[in-house]
Structure formats: structure tokens, C-alpha cells
């Protein structure tokens, strides 16, 4: 994979001075970040740094205590999660969250339940073309799929909502190395088709390889940010996240 070049465009997603609290304890403190249309941005940090909390705040699963989140200039304050999906935000959570008692096709079709356009079937065929294994297993129950296949299903389900912004939380977790590479190639392909991506990922090597820009989150605050290619050479990042390699 070659280092991608960031597109020159205005922010599509803007997170401005956001604070997030749990039981009156501030888990995220004054975080600001942005994602441009057509961009992959990765958010890297240790467990407990607040990465998943930021994704949950963007998708409407957890409230912010201060600050502002906008999508294409629209303030998302007070907008419930299901309406954020209609605005073009799709969240693939850590652990995938598929419906194990539904088939692959049922999982995918369920994600398009709010849509009334004529393109649902074409989008379904596009997902199955993107993930041929899902096509082979279209009639299987979700809980009979391997971990990698479940991750493919989770991403495919998000795409069925016609997402313009894809939030990915630890897509490589628990996968074999070959499947990890496959998932990341698909992430790049999805991005080339025009979807902006905010990626939370413990595999910092691959995350910085596919991303245009990156933010380093430490104990709820942004410690570093910049082009991913630059941060890959930063001694602090190398020592903390790249194993000194």
C-alpha cells in the first residue's frame, strides 16, 4: 500500500472542543478533529484513551457534555442516532454488533430499512461484489460466520445505509493477518468510491499506512496530529505505537 494523498476540501465532519463524561468523570477533554470529504482519518491511542467514546458521540450513541459536532455544516446536537444514519453517518462498532439470529441477507437488508429509493437491490449486489464471501454465505445465520466474515458483514451493513461518513471501530480486532490486510484493502476501496472514513484501530502500522491524516489521543486529549506519513516517522509515535520499528 502506498501513502495516500489527502484530498483538498473543506471539513465534512467537524468535532469542536468536545468533552464527554461518564459518571461525572471526563473521559474526553476538549477534543477537536475534522474529516474532509473523501478522506481517511485515523484516531490512534491506548485502550481507555477515549477513541470509542468519540465515535459514539459522533453517531449519537452517547451525549457530549460540551462542544459541538457538525456534519456538512449541520449541528448534530440533539439529533438522535437513527436520524444521524439518515444524514449519512454509519457506525461499525467494536465487536461488530451483527444480528446472529438473522441471515447475511437479512442483516444487509435491515440496514436499508429507512430507504425508499430504487437503488437498494443494486447496492446489495455491490456489497456482495465487494465481499464475495458474503455472497457465498448469503443464506447463513450471522452467528455461524467466522470473525472475518462477521467483520465484512458489519462493514457491508453500514454501506447499505448509503453512508457518506463511515465510523470504523477496531475493524482488525481478532482477525488473522491475511484477513486484516483484506479488510484494509476494502477500506481503501470504499474510500476511493467517495466515502469519508474515521478509523479507530490498534494496528497503528496499517492505520497510518492507509490514512491521509492521523490524530494521537492520550488520556482523553489530542497529543499529536498531522499527515499520517509524517506521524509514521515521529519518534514519539514510533516508540509508543510502532514498536520502535
Protein backbone atom coordinates (compact mmCIF):
# COMPACT_ATOMS: atom_id res chain seq x y z
CA UNK A 1 0.00 0.00 0.00
CA UNK A 2 1.30 3.46 -0.89
CA UNK A 3 0.77 6.51 1.29
CA UNK A 4 -2.46 8.22 0.21
CA UNK A 5 -2.58 11.92 -0.61
CA UNK A 6 -5.20 13.84 1.33
CA UNK A 7 -7.93 15.49 -0.75
CA UNK A 8 -8.05 19.28 -0.57
CA UNK A 9 -11.56 20.09 0.62
CA UNK A 10 -13.45 21.67 3.49
CA UNK A 11 -14.23 19.57 6.59
CA UNK A 12 -17.14 17.18 6.11
CA UNK A 13 -17.17 16.20 9.79
CA UNK A 14 -16.04 18.71 12.42
CA UNK A 15 -15.62 17.86 16.10
CA UNK A 16 -15.03 21.09 18.00
CA UNK A 17 -13.81 21.26 21.61
CA UNK A 18 -15.84 18.20 22.59
CA UNK A 19 -15.98 16.92 26.17
CA UNK A 20 -17.50 13.52 27.03
CA UNK A 21 -18.19 12.39 30.59
CA UNK A 22 -19.08 9.10 32.29
CA UNK A 23 -20.43 9.31 35.84
CA UNK A 24 -19.10 12.88 36.12
CA UNK A 25 -15.62 11.79 35.08
CA UNK A 26 -14.34 13.48 31.92
CA UNK A 27 -13.18 10.73 29.56
CA UNK A 28 -12.65 13.12 26.62
CA UNK A 29 -11.49 16.68 27.21
CA UNK A 30 -11.66 19.40 24.60
CA UNK A 31 -11.02 17.24 21.54
CA UNK A 32 -11.15 18.88 18.11
CA UNK A 33 -10.72 16.98 14.86
CA UNK A 34 -12.07 17.02 11.34
CA UNK A 35 -12.55 14.70 8.39
CA UNK A 36 -12.76 16.06 4.86
CA UNK A 37 -14.97 14.56 2.18
CA UNK A 38 -13.16 11.65 0.58
CA UNK A 39 -10.58 11.38 3.37
CA UNK A 40 -9.45 8.57 5.68
CA UNK A 41 -8.53 9.87 9.12
CA UNK A 42 -7.30 7.55 11.84
CA UNK A 43 -7.56 8.04 15.59
CA UNK A 44 -4.84 6.18 17.47
CA UNK A 45 -4.33 5.76 21.20
CA UNK A 46 -4.03 3.30 24.05
CA UNK A 47 -7.03 1.44 25.46
CA UNK A 48 -9.13 3.81 27.51
CA UNK A 49 -7.87 6.93 25.74
CA UNK A 50 -11.41 7.86 24.63
CA UNK A 51 -11.37 6.76 20.98
CA UNK A 52 -14.59 4.72 21.03
CA UNK A 53 -16.30 7.41 23.09
CA UNK A 54 -15.64 9.93 20.31
CA UNK A 55 -17.16 7.64 17.69
CA UNK A 56 -20.20 7.04 19.91
CA UNK A 57 -20.65 10.78 20.34
CA UNK A 58 -20.48 11.35 16.58
CA UNK A 59 -23.06 8.64 15.86
CA UNK A 60 -25.36 9.80 18.66
CA UNK A 61 -24.94 6.83 20.98
CA UNK A 62 -23.52 8.97 23.80
CA UNK A 63 -24.07 12.68 24.54
CA UNK A 64 -21.36 15.31 24.65
CA UNK A 65 -21.23 17.44 27.78
CA UNK A 66 -19.61 20.37 25.97
CA UNK A 67 -18.57 21.26 22.45
CA UNK A 68 -20.09 20.82 19.03
CA UNK A 69 -20.21 18.18 16.27
CA UNK A 70 -21.23 19.18 12.75
CA UNK A 71 -21.70 17.19 9.55
CA UNK A 72 -21.61 19.20 6.30
CA UNK A 73 -22.15 22.29 8.44
CA UNK A 74 -25.22 20.93 10.25
CA UNK A 75 -25.01 20.94 14.05
CA UNK A 76 -25.88 17.42 15.24
CA UNK A 77 -26.75 18.48 18.81
CA UNK A 78 -29.95 16.79 19.94
CA UNK A 79 -30.22 14.69 16.78
CA UNK A 80 -30.90 11.03 17.74
CA UNK A 81 -28.77 8.22 16.36
CA UNK A 82 -31.32 6.95 13.81
CA UNK A 83 -31.61 10.39 12.24
CA UNK A 84 -27.82 10.66 12.04
CA UNK A 85 -27.89 7.47 9.99
CA UNK A 86 -30.28 9.21 7.60
CA UNK A 87 -27.82 12.12 7.41
CA UNK A 88 -25.17 9.71 6.14
CA UNK A 89 -23.31 8.50 9.25
CA UNK A 90 -22.75 4.76 9.67
CA UNK A 91 -21.03 3.29 12.73
CA UNK A 92 -19.34 -0.12 12.70
CA UNK A 93 -18.78 -0.72 16.43
CA UNK A 94 -16.06 -2.66 18.15
CA UNK A 95 -17.31 -6.25 18.33
CA UNK A 96 -19.23 -5.87 15.04
CA UNK A 97 -22.75 -5.99 16.52
CA UNK A 98 -24.33 -8.06 13.76
CA UNK A 99 -27.60 -9.93 14.34
CA UNK A 100 -26.56 -13.55 14.80
CA UNK A 101 -30.12 -14.87 14.51
CA UNK A 102 -30.57 -13.30 11.05
CA UNK A 103 -29.06 -14.41 7.77
CA UNK A 104 -26.42 -12.43 5.91
CA UNK A 105 -29.04 -11.11 3.50
CA UNK A 106 -31.42 -10.20 6.33
CA UNK A 107 -28.65 -8.28 8.12
CA UNK A 108 -27.88 -6.34 4.95
CA UNK A 109 -31.48 -5.60 4.03
CA UNK A 110 -32.29 -4.50 7.57
CA UNK A 111 -29.66 -1.75 7.26
CA UNK A 112 -31.66 -0.23 4.40
CA UNK A 113 -34.95 -0.13 6.32
CA UNK A 114 -35.17 3.69 6.19
CA UNK A 115 -34.54 3.85 2.46
CA UNK A 116 -37.34 4.26 -0.06
CA UNK A 117 -35.22 4.62 -3.20
CA UNK A 118 -34.97 2.20 -6.09
CA UNK A 119 -31.25 1.52 -5.63
CA UNK A 120 -31.40 -0.84 -2.65
CA UNK A 121 -31.04 -4.01 -4.72
CA UNK A 122 -28.16 -2.55 -6.72
CA UNK A 123 -26.40 -1.54 -3.51
CA UNK A 124 -26.95 -5.03 -2.11
CA UNK A 125 -25.35 -6.52 -5.21
CA UNK A 126 -22.48 -4.04 -4.83
CA UNK A 127 -21.81 -5.17 -1.25
CA UNK A 128 -21.82 -8.82 -2.31
CA UNK A 129 -19.40 -7.97 -5.12
CA UNK A 130 -17.16 -6.14 -2.66
CA UNK A 131 -17.29 -9.10 -0.25
CA UNK A 132 -17.66 -12.28 -2.36
CA UNK A 133 -17.62 -14.45 0.78
CA UNK A 134 -20.84 -12.84 1.91
CA UNK A 135 -22.39 -13.75 -1.42
CA UNK A 136 -21.37 -17.35 -0.91
CA UNK A 137 -22.87 -17.32 2.59
CA UNK A 138 -25.91 -15.15 1.94
CA UNK A 139 -28.32 -17.69 3.46
CA UNK A 140 -26.21 -18.46 6.54
CA UNK A 141 -27.04 -17.18 10.03
CA UNK A 142 -24.79 -14.38 11.20
CA UNK A 143 -23.60 -16.35 14.22
CA UNK A 144 -22.25 -19.14 12.00
CA UNK A 145 -19.81 -16.84 10.20
CA UNK A 146 -16.12 -16.60 11.04
CA UNK A 147 -14.78 -13.47 12.74
CA UNK A 148 -13.52 -12.10 9.44
CA UNK A 149 -16.81 -12.77 7.69
CA UNK A 150 -18.71 -11.08 10.52
CA UNK A 151 -16.48 -8.02 10.12
CA UNK A 152 -17.20 -7.98 6.38
CA UNK A 153 -20.91 -8.19 7.18
CA UNK A 154 -20.68 -5.34 9.66
CA UNK A 155 -18.97 -3.11 7.09
CA UNK A 156 -21.33 -4.19 4.32
CA UNK A 157 -24.32 -3.47 6.51
CA UNK A 158 -23.03 0.06 7.12
CA UNK A 159 -22.64 0.61 3.38
CA UNK A 160 -26.27 -0.38 2.80
CA UNK A 161 -27.31 2.82 4.56
CA UNK A 162 -25.57 4.82 1.79
CA UNK A 163 -23.11 6.19 4.34
CA UNK A 164 -21.15 9.28 3.43
CA UNK A 165 -19.16 9.03 6.66
CA UNK A 166 -18.10 5.60 7.92
CA UNK A 167 -17.00 5.25 11.56
CA UNK A 168 -14.89 2.10 11.99
CA UNK A 169 -14.02 0.93 15.49
CA UNK A 170 -11.21 -1.68 15.60
CA UNK A 171 -12.02 -3.46 12.32
CA UNK A 172 -8.94 -5.73 12.60
CA UNK A 173 -9.66 -6.97 16.13
CA UNK A 174 -9.36 -10.75 16.43
CA UNK A 175 -8.63 -11.35 12.76
CA UNK A 176 -5.83 -13.37 11.18
CA UNK A 177 -3.13 -11.26 9.45
CA UNK A 178 -4.27 -12.16 5.91
CA UNK A 179 -7.85 -11.14 6.71
CA UNK A 180 -6.63 -7.92 8.30
CA UNK A 181 -4.87 -6.99 5.04
CA UNK A 182 -8.02 -7.86 3.08
CA UNK A 183 -10.21 -5.70 5.32
CA UNK A 184 -7.83 -2.75 4.96
CA UNK A 185 -7.76 -3.10 1.17
CA UNK A 186 -11.55 -2.97 1.21
CA UNK A 187 -11.44 0.13 3.44
CA UNK A 188 -9.27 1.86 0.85
CA UNK A 189 -11.57 0.77 -1.96
CA UNK A 190 -14.63 2.11 -0.12
CA UNK A 191 -12.82 5.40 0.38
CA UNK A 192 -11.87 5.65 -3.30
CA UNK A 193 -15.57 5.33 -4.10
CA UNK A 194 -16.16 8.56 -2.17
CA UNK A 195 -16.91 7.60 1.44
CA UNK A 196 -15.10 9.53 4.16
CA UNK A 197 -13.78 7.29 6.95
CA UNK A 198 -12.87 7.89 10.58
CA UNK A 199 -10.88 4.85 11.68
CA UNK A 200 -10.10 3.75 15.23
CA UNK A 201 -7.51 0.99 15.08
CA UNK A 202 -4.99 -0.66 17.42
CA UNK A 203 -2.86 -1.77 14.46
CA UNK A 204 -1.10 1.57 14.16
CA UNK A 205 1.18 0.35 11.35
CA UNK A 206 -1.72 -0.35 9.00
CA UNK A 207 -3.84 2.56 10.18
CA UNK A 208 -1.07 5.04 9.41
CA UNK A 209 -0.41 3.29 6.11
CA UNK A 210 -3.94 3.72 4.73
CA UNK A 211 -4.90 7.06 6.33
CA UNK A 212 -4.42 10.52 4.91
CA UNK A 213 -4.16 12.12 8.35
CA UNK A 214 -4.00 10.97 11.95
CA UNK A 215 -4.70 12.11 15.48
CA UNK A 216 -2.94 10.64 18.51
CA UNK A 217 -5.20 10.54 21.55
CA UNK A 218 -3.72 10.28 25.04
CA UNK A 219 -5.87 10.19 28.19
CA UNK A 220 -8.76 11.96 26.52
CA UNK A 221 -6.81 14.70 24.74
CA UNK A 222 -5.21 15.13 21.33
CA UNK A 223 -1.45 14.86 21.82
CA UNK A 224 -0.34 14.95 18.17
CA UNK A 225 -1.91 15.34 14.75
CA UNK A 226 -0.81 15.67 11.16
CA UNK A 227 -0.33 13.78 7.90
CA UNK A 228 -0.17 10.04 8.55
CA UNK A 229 3.08 9.70 6.59
CA UNK A 230 4.70 12.33 8.81
CA UNK A 231 3.49 10.77 12.05
CA UNK A 232 4.87 7.41 10.96
CA UNK A 233 8.32 8.98 11.22
CA UNK A 234 7.68 10.79 14.51
CA UNK A 235 9.98 9.31 17.22
CA UNK A 236 7.26 9.63 19.87
CA UNK A 237 4.76 7.74 17.73
CA UNK A 238 7.34 5.13 16.71
CA UNK A 239 8.28 4.46 20.34
CA UNK A 240 4.72 4.34 21.66
CA UNK A 241 2.71 2.73 18.87
CA UNK A 242 5.00 1.20 16.25
CA UNK A 243 7.13 -0.97 18.47
CA UNK A 244 10.25 1.07 17.92
CA UNK A 245 10.41 -0.20 14.33
